[in-house]
Amino acid sequence: MTYSRTVHVDGDFEETVRAVREALAEQGFGILTEIDVRATLKEKLGHDMENYLILGACNPPLARQAIEADRSIGLLLPCNVVVRTDGERIAVQALDPATMVTLTGRDALEPVAEDATHRLDAALSTLTQQQA
């Protein structure tokens, strides 16, 4: 089962992060949290790794709809967007919103998943279009 929606882009990591934030904002997502996995693992474990940033994105109307359908859905909301170095390129990944429906079996989540998929795909598409 594929659970991510992924694009790869060329360029500077920090510039890509900025572009991801802008693309998500254009689709109604705000960034609630940011986890710099690379810095955290370096600080806590002395472990060196590639750039790996987790952005906790949220679209409040979609989150409300999903939570109304299933109070436990916060565990699966398509909120995490990962920006990470992947070889010579940068991967931008979002949880596939269909995962919510697949794992819960709740048909009431289908419209939320479809809307979130459309918005996330539009944001990811913006990143690849900037490359062209």
C-alpha atoms as a PDB file:
ATOM      1  CA  MET A   1       0.000   0.000   0.000  1.00  0.00           C
ATOM      2  CA  THR A   2       1.420   3.367  -0.995  1.00  0.00           C
ATOM      3  CA  TYR A   3       0.802   5.929   1.705  1.00  0.00           C
ATOM      4  CA  SER A   4       2.627   8.980   0.397  1.00  0.00           C
ATOM      5  CA  ARG A   5       2.284  11.508  -2.367  1.00  0.00           C
ATOM      6  CA  THR A   6       5.826  12.430  -3.404  1.00  0.00           C
ATOM      7  CA  VAL A   7       7.570  14.775  -5.790  1.00  0.00           C
ATOM      8  CA  HIS A   8      11.281  15.320  -6.333  1.00  0.00           C
ATOM      9  CA  VAL A   9      12.739  18.716  -7.125  1.00  0.00           C
ATOM     10  CA  ASP A  10      16.165  20.162  -7.794  1.00  0.00           C
ATOM     11  CA  GLY A  11      17.581  23.102  -5.919  1.00  0.00           C
ATOM     12  CA  ASP A  12      18.546  24.455  -2.555  1.00  0.00           C
ATOM     13  CA  PHE A  13      17.010  22.787   0.502  1.00  0.00           C
ATOM     14  CA  GLU A  14      16.062  25.997   2.322  1.00  0.00           C
ATOM     15  CA  GLU A  15      14.608  27.492  -0.853  1.00  0.00           C
ATOM     16  CA  THR A  16      12.545  24.328  -1.345  1.00  0.00           C
ATOM     17  CA  VAL A  17      11.239  24.540   2.225  1.00  0.00           C
ATOM     18  CA  ARG A  18      10.179  28.134   1.561  1.00  0.00           C
ATOM     19  CA  ALA A  19       8.452  27.087  -1.671  1.00  0.00           C
ATOM     20  CA  VAL A  20       6.682  24.221   0.133  1.00  0.00           C
ATOM     21  CA  ARG A  21       5.374  26.605   2.799  1.00  0.00           C
ATOM     22  CA  GLU A  22       4.071  28.967   0.118  1.00  0.00           C
ATOM     23  CA  ALA A  23       2.490  26.174  -1.937  1.00  0.00           C
ATOM     24  CA  LEU A  24       0.723  24.772   1.122  1.00  0.00           C
ATOM     25  CA  ALA A  25      -0.493  28.240   2.167  1.00  0.00           C
ATOM     26  CA  GLU A  26      -1.990  28.771  -1.290  1.00  0.00           C
ATOM     27  CA  GLN A  27      -4.051  25.627  -0.689  1.00  0.00           C
ATOM     28  CA  GLY A  28      -5.275  26.722   2.755  1.00  0.00           C
ATOM     29  CA  PHE A  29      -2.729  24.869   4.906  1.00  0.00           C
ATOM     30  CA  GLY A  30      -0.937  26.576   7.760  1.00  0.00           C
ATOM     31  CA  ILE A  31       2.188  25.208   9.420  1.00  0.00           C
ATOM     32  CA  LEU A  32       1.515  24.411  13.072  1.00  0.00           C
ATOM     33  CA  THR A  33       4.717  22.558  13.903  1.00  0.00           C
ATOM     34  CA  GLU A  34       8.192  22.062  12.516  1.00  0.00           C
ATOM     35  CA  ILE A  35      10.552  19.247  13.443  1.00  0.00           C
ATOM     36  CA  ASP A  36      14.128  19.415  12.221  1.00  0.00           C
ATOM     37  CA  VAL A  37      14.922  15.712  12.495  1.00  0.00           C
ATOM     38  CA  ARG A  38      18.523  16.215  11.358  1.00  0.00           C
ATOM     39  CA  ALA A  39      19.256  18.773  14.091  1.00  0.00           C
ATOM     40  CA  THR A  40      17.419  16.767  16.753  1.00  0.00           C
ATOM     41  CA  LEU A  41      19.261  13.526  16.033  1.00  0.00           C
ATOM     42  CA  LYS A  42      22.576  15.388  15.925  1.00  0.00           C
ATOM     43  CA  GLU A  43      21.893  17.063  19.273  1.00  0.00           C
ATOM     44  CA  LYS A  44      20.443  14.053  21.089  1.00  0.00           C
ATOM     45  CA  LEU A  45      22.415  11.178  19.565  1.00  0.00           C
ATOM     46  CA  GLY A  46      25.393  12.731  17.798  1.00  0.00           C
ATOM     47  CA  HIS A  47      23.995  11.203  14.593  1.00  0.00           C
ATOM     48  CA  ASP A  48      24.679  12.876  11.241  1.00  0.00           C
ATOM     49  CA  MET A  49      22.125  12.515   8.479  1.00  0.00           C
ATOM     50  CA  GLU A  50      20.736  14.335   5.454  1.00  0.00           C
ATOM     51  CA  ASN A  51      18.360  17.300   5.729  1.00  0.00           C
ATOM     52  CA  TYR A  52      15.021  15.995   7.001  1.00  0.00           C
ATOM     53  CA  LEU A  53      12.291  18.411   8.030  1.00  0.00           C
ATOM     54  CA  ILE A  54       8.747  17.522   9.080  1.00  0.00           C
ATOM     55  CA  LEU A  55       6.199  20.308   8.675  1.00  0.00           C
ATOM     56  CA  GLY A  56       2.937  19.854  10.563  1.00  0.00           C
ATOM     57  CA  ALA A  57       0.487  21.382   8.097  1.00  0.00           C
ATOM     58  CA  CYS A  58      -3.195  21.897   8.842  1.00  0.00           C
ATOM     59  CA  ASN A  59      -6.219  22.994   6.843  1.00  0.00           C
ATOM     60  CA  PRO A  60      -8.688  23.867   9.641  1.00  0.00           C
ATOM     61  CA  PRO A  61     -11.938  23.295   7.687  1.00  0.00           C
ATOM     62  CA  LEU A  62     -10.767  19.869   6.523  1.00  0.00           C
ATOM     63  CA  ALA A  63      -9.486  18.965   9.988  1.00  0.00           C
ATOM     64  CA  ARG A  64     -12.852  19.922  11.518  1.00  0.00           C
ATOM     65  CA  GLN A  65     -14.753  17.802   8.987  1.00  0.00           C
ATOM     66  CA  ALA A  66     -12.534  14.799   9.623  1.00  0.00           C
ATOM     67  CA  ILE A  67     -12.732  15.126  13.406  1.00  0.00           C
ATOM     68  CA  GLU A  68     -16.517  15.428  13.252  1.00  0.00           C
ATOM     69  CA  ALA A  69     -16.607  12.140  11.317  1.00  0.00           C
ATOM     70  CA  ASP A  70     -14.164  10.337  13.637  1.00  0.00           C
ATOM     71  CA  ARG A  71     -12.813  11.772  16.881  1.00  0.00           C
ATOM     72  CA  SER A  72      -9.698   9.566  16.701  1.00  0.00           C
ATOM     73  CA  ILE A  73      -8.802  10.683  13.170  1.00  0.00           C
ATOM     74  CA  GLY A  74      -6.247  13.156  14.494  1.00  0.00           C
ATOM     75  CA  LEU A  75      -3.887  10.192  14.501  1.00  0.00           C
ATOM     76  CA  LEU A  76      -4.160  10.005  10.701  1.00  0.00           C
ATOM     77  CA  LEU A  77      -4.858  13.530   9.511  1.00  0.00           C
ATOM     78  CA  PRO A  78      -2.774  14.269   6.392  1.00  0.00           C
ATOM     79  CA  CYS A  79      -0.869  16.915   8.261  1.00  0.00           C
ATOM     80  CA  ASN A  80       2.755  15.872   8.017  1.00  0.00           C
ATOM     81  CA  VAL A  81       4.735  17.072   5.043  1.00  0.00           C
ATOM     82  CA  VAL A  82       8.327  15.866   4.839  1.00  0.00           C
ATOM     83  CA  VAL A  83      11.027  17.797   3.008  1.00  0.00           C
ATOM     84  CA  ARG A  84      14.228  15.781   2.814  1.00  0.00           C
ATOM     85  CA  THR A  85      17.390  15.463   0.828  1.00  0.00           C
ATOM     86  CA  ASP A  86      17.217  12.377  -1.386  1.00  0.00           C
ATOM     87  CA  GLY A  87      20.529  11.904  -3.139  1.00  0.00           C
ATOM     88  CA  GLU A  88      21.132  14.905  -5.395  1.00  0.00           C
ATOM     89  CA  ARG A  89      17.476  15.976  -5.277  1.00  0.00           C
ATOM     90  CA  ILE A  90      14.953  17.028  -2.665  1.00  0.00           C
ATOM     91  CA  ALA A  91      11.922  14.875  -1.906  1.00  0.00           C
ATOM     92  CA  VAL A  92       8.703  16.524  -0.764  1.00  0.00           C
ATOM     93  CA  GLN A  93       6.228  14.036   0.650  1.00  0.00           C
ATOM     94  CA  ALA A  94       2.744  14.229   2.106  1.00  0.00           C
ATOM     95  CA  LEU A  95       0.619  11.490   3.599  1.00  0.00           C
ATOM     96  CA  ASP A  96      -1.891  10.262   1.011  1.00  0.00           C
ATOM     97  CA  PRO A  97      -5.238  11.364   2.499  1.00  0.00           C
ATOM     98  CA  ALA A  98      -6.889   8.184   1.165  1.00  0.00           C
ATOM     99  CA  THR A  99      -4.971   6.420   3.940  1.00  0.00           C
ATOM    100  CA  MET A 100      -7.531   7.830   6.408  1.00  0.00           C
ATOM    101  CA  VAL A 101     -10.369   6.085   4.592  1.00  0.00           C
ATOM    102  CA  THR A 102      -8.461   2.867   3.977  1.00  0.00           C
ATOM    103  CA  LEU A 103      -7.355   2.418   7.576  1.00  0.00           C
ATOM    104  CA  THR A 104     -10.608   3.484   9.247  1.00  0.00           C
ATOM    105  CA  GLY A 105     -13.114   2.131   6.740  1.00  0.00           C
ATOM    106  CA  ARG A 106     -15.259   5.224   7.389  1.00  0.00           C
ATOM    107  CA  ASP A 107     -17.016   6.380   4.247  1.00  0.00           C
ATOM    108  CA  ALA A 108     -17.769   9.735   5.917  1.00  0.00           C
ATOM    109  CA  LEU A 109     -14.071  10.575   5.535  1.00  0.00           C
ATOM    110  CA  GLU A 110     -14.092  10.100   1.757  1.00  0.00           C
ATOM    111  CA  PRO A 111     -15.071  13.719   0.888  1.00  0.00           C
ATOM    112  CA  VAL A 112     -12.426  15.067   3.252  1.00  0.00           C
ATOM    113  CA  ALA A 113      -9.795  12.767   1.748  1.00  0.00           C
ATOM    114  CA  GLU A 114     -10.757  13.787  -1.788  1.00  0.00           C
ATOM    115  CA  ASP A 115     -10.555  17.519  -0.977  1.00  0.00           C
ATOM    116  CA  ALA A 116      -7.271  17.114   0.896  1.00  0.00           C
ATOM    117  CA  THR A 117      -5.837  15.055  -1.982  1.00  0.00           C
ATOM    118  CA  HIS A 118      -6.790  17.730  -4.484  1.00  0.00           C
ATOM    119  CA  ARG A 119      -5.193  20.459  -2.357  1.00  0.00           C
ATOM    120  CA  LEU A 120      -2.008  18.534  -1.583  1.00  0.00           C
ATOM    121  CA  ASP A 121      -1.584  17.488  -5.214  1.00  0.00           C
ATOM    122  CA  ALA A 122      -2.017  21.118  -6.280  1.00  0.00           C
ATOM    123  CA  ALA A 123       0.645  22.210  -3.785  1.00  0.00           C
ATOM    124  CA  LEU A 124       3.064  19.494  -4.899  1.00  0.00           C
ATOM    125  CA  SER A 125       2.382  20.286  -8.540  1.00  0.00           C
ATOM    126  CA  THR A 126       3.299  23.919  -7.904  1.00  0.00           C
ATOM    127  CA  LEU A 127       6.751  22.788  -6.792  1.00  0.00           C
ATOM    128  CA  THR A 128       7.409  20.767  -9.925  1.00  0.00           C
ATOM    129  CA  GLN A 129       6.039  23.505 -12.196  1.00  0.00           C
ATOM    130  CA  GLN A 130       8.536  25.950 -10.720  1.00  0.00           C
ATOM    131  CA  GLN A 131      11.257  23.608 -11.996  1.00  0.00           C
ATOM    132  CA  ALA A 132      10.076  23.735 -15.612  1.00  0.00           C
END
